[in-house]
Protein backbone atom coordinates (compact mmCIF):
# COMPACT_ATOMS: atom_id res chain seq x y z
CA MET A 1 6.46 -21.93 5.00
CA LEU A 2 2.78 -20.88 5.00
CA HIS A 3 3.26 -18.36 2.20
CA PRO A 4 1.93 -20.59 -0.63
CA TRP A 5 -1.34 -21.16 1.24
CA THR A 6 -1.68 -17.47 2.07
CA GLU A 7 -1.06 -16.52 -1.56
CA ALA A 8 -3.69 -19.06 -2.67
CA GLY A 9 -6.21 -17.43 -0.31
CA LEU A 10 -6.48 -20.48 1.91
CA LEU A 11 -5.11 -18.67 4.96
CA PRO A 12 -5.58 -15.11 6.20
CA GLY A 13 -2.67 -12.68 5.95
CA PHE A 14 -1.88 -13.24 9.62
CA PRO A 15 -2.94 -16.85 10.34
CA PHE A 16 -1.82 -16.72 13.97
CA GLY A 17 -3.53 -13.39 14.70
CA THR A 18 -2.25 -9.85 14.96
CA ASP A 19 -2.40 -6.82 17.21
CA LEU A 20 -2.80 -4.50 14.24
CA THR A 21 -5.94 -2.41 13.95
CA ALA A 22 -8.17 -2.54 10.87
CA ASP A 23 -6.60 0.72 9.63
CA GLU A 24 -3.10 -0.64 10.14
CA LEU A 25 -4.02 -3.77 8.20
CA LYS A 26 -5.15 -1.58 5.28
CA ILE A 27 -1.85 0.31 5.42
CA VAL A 28 0.13 -2.94 5.53
CA GLY A 29 -1.80 -4.32 2.56
CA ALA A 30 -1.20 -1.19 0.50
CA LEU A 31 2.50 -1.18 1.36
CA ARG A 32 2.84 -4.86 0.46
CA ARG A 33 1.22 -4.23 -2.93
CA LEU A 34 3.57 -1.28 -3.49
CA LYS A 35 6.58 -3.40 -2.60
CA LYS A 36 5.47 -6.12 -5.01
CA ALA A 37 4.90 -3.54 -7.77
CA THR A 38 8.42 -2.14 -7.34
CA GLN A 39 9.80 -5.56 -8.26
CA HIS A 40 7.94 -5.48 -11.59
CA PRO A 41 8.43 -2.19 -13.48
CA VAL A 42 5.37 -2.70 -15.71
CA ASP A 43 3.16 -3.17 -12.66
CA LEU A 44 4.65 -0.06 -11.07
CA VAL A 45 3.89 2.02 -14.16
CA LYS A 46 0.31 0.67 -14.23
CA LEU A 47 -0.09 1.48 -10.56
CA ALA A 48 1.29 4.99 -11.03
CA LEU A 49 -1.00 5.71 -13.97
CA ARG A 50 -4.04 4.39 -12.11
CA SER A 51 -3.11 6.39 -9.00
CA PHE A 52 -2.89 9.64 -10.91
CA TRP A 53 -5.91 8.93 -13.12
CA GLU A 54 -8.27 8.12 -10.26
CA GLY A 55 -7.07 11.02 -8.11
CA ARG A 56 -7.78 9.19 -4.86
CA GLU A 57 -6.57 10.57 -1.56
CA ALA A 58 -5.51 8.60 1.49
CA PRO A 59 -7.14 9.37 4.84
CA PRO A 60 -5.12 11.99 6.74
CA ALA A 61 -4.56 9.58 9.65
CA TYR A 62 -2.88 7.09 7.30
CA LEU A 63 -0.64 9.75 5.84
CA GLU A 64 0.29 11.01 9.28
CA ARG A 65 1.12 7.47 10.40
CA LEU A 66 3.53 7.09 7.46
CA GLY A 67 5.00 10.58 7.78
CA LEU A 68 3.53 11.61 4.44
CA ASP A 69 1.06 14.16 5.81
CA GLU A 70 3.42 17.04 5.09
CA ALA A 71 5.07 15.60 1.99
CA LYS A 72 7.25 18.04 0.14
CA GLY A 73 9.28 17.43 -2.95
CA PHE A 74 8.58 15.29 -5.97
CA LYS A 75 9.63 11.95 -4.47
CA ALA A 76 7.55 12.29 -1.29
CA LEU A 77 4.50 13.53 -3.20
CA PHE A 78 4.86 10.70 -5.72
CA ILE A 79 5.04 8.09 -2.94
CA ARG A 80 2.02 9.68 -1.27
CA LYS A 81 0.04 9.47 -4.51
CA LEU A 82 1.09 5.84 -5.13
CA PHE A 83 0.08 4.91 -1.60
CA ALA A 84 -3.30 6.62 -1.90
CA GLY A 85 -4.02 4.94 -5.22
CA ASN A 86 -3.13 1.57 -3.78
CA LEU A 87 -5.54 1.61 -0.84
């Protein structure tokens, strides 16, 4: 119901407040952008290329929170890289 106003930037992401910390809000934002990108393959490819090109790393606390701190295997490492590039 409030989504159009939030998308237009007229309301904050959580207009009624939140108990999330600043770090958790960053994680939520990155995960929302990843979710949106998965619905549009071209955006996902752009995100993946940018993530690998920039070589950014996510803070260890963020990775630990998501269970990606000890990522093994291609899929987990790929998700970790996408997440880091999307922060």
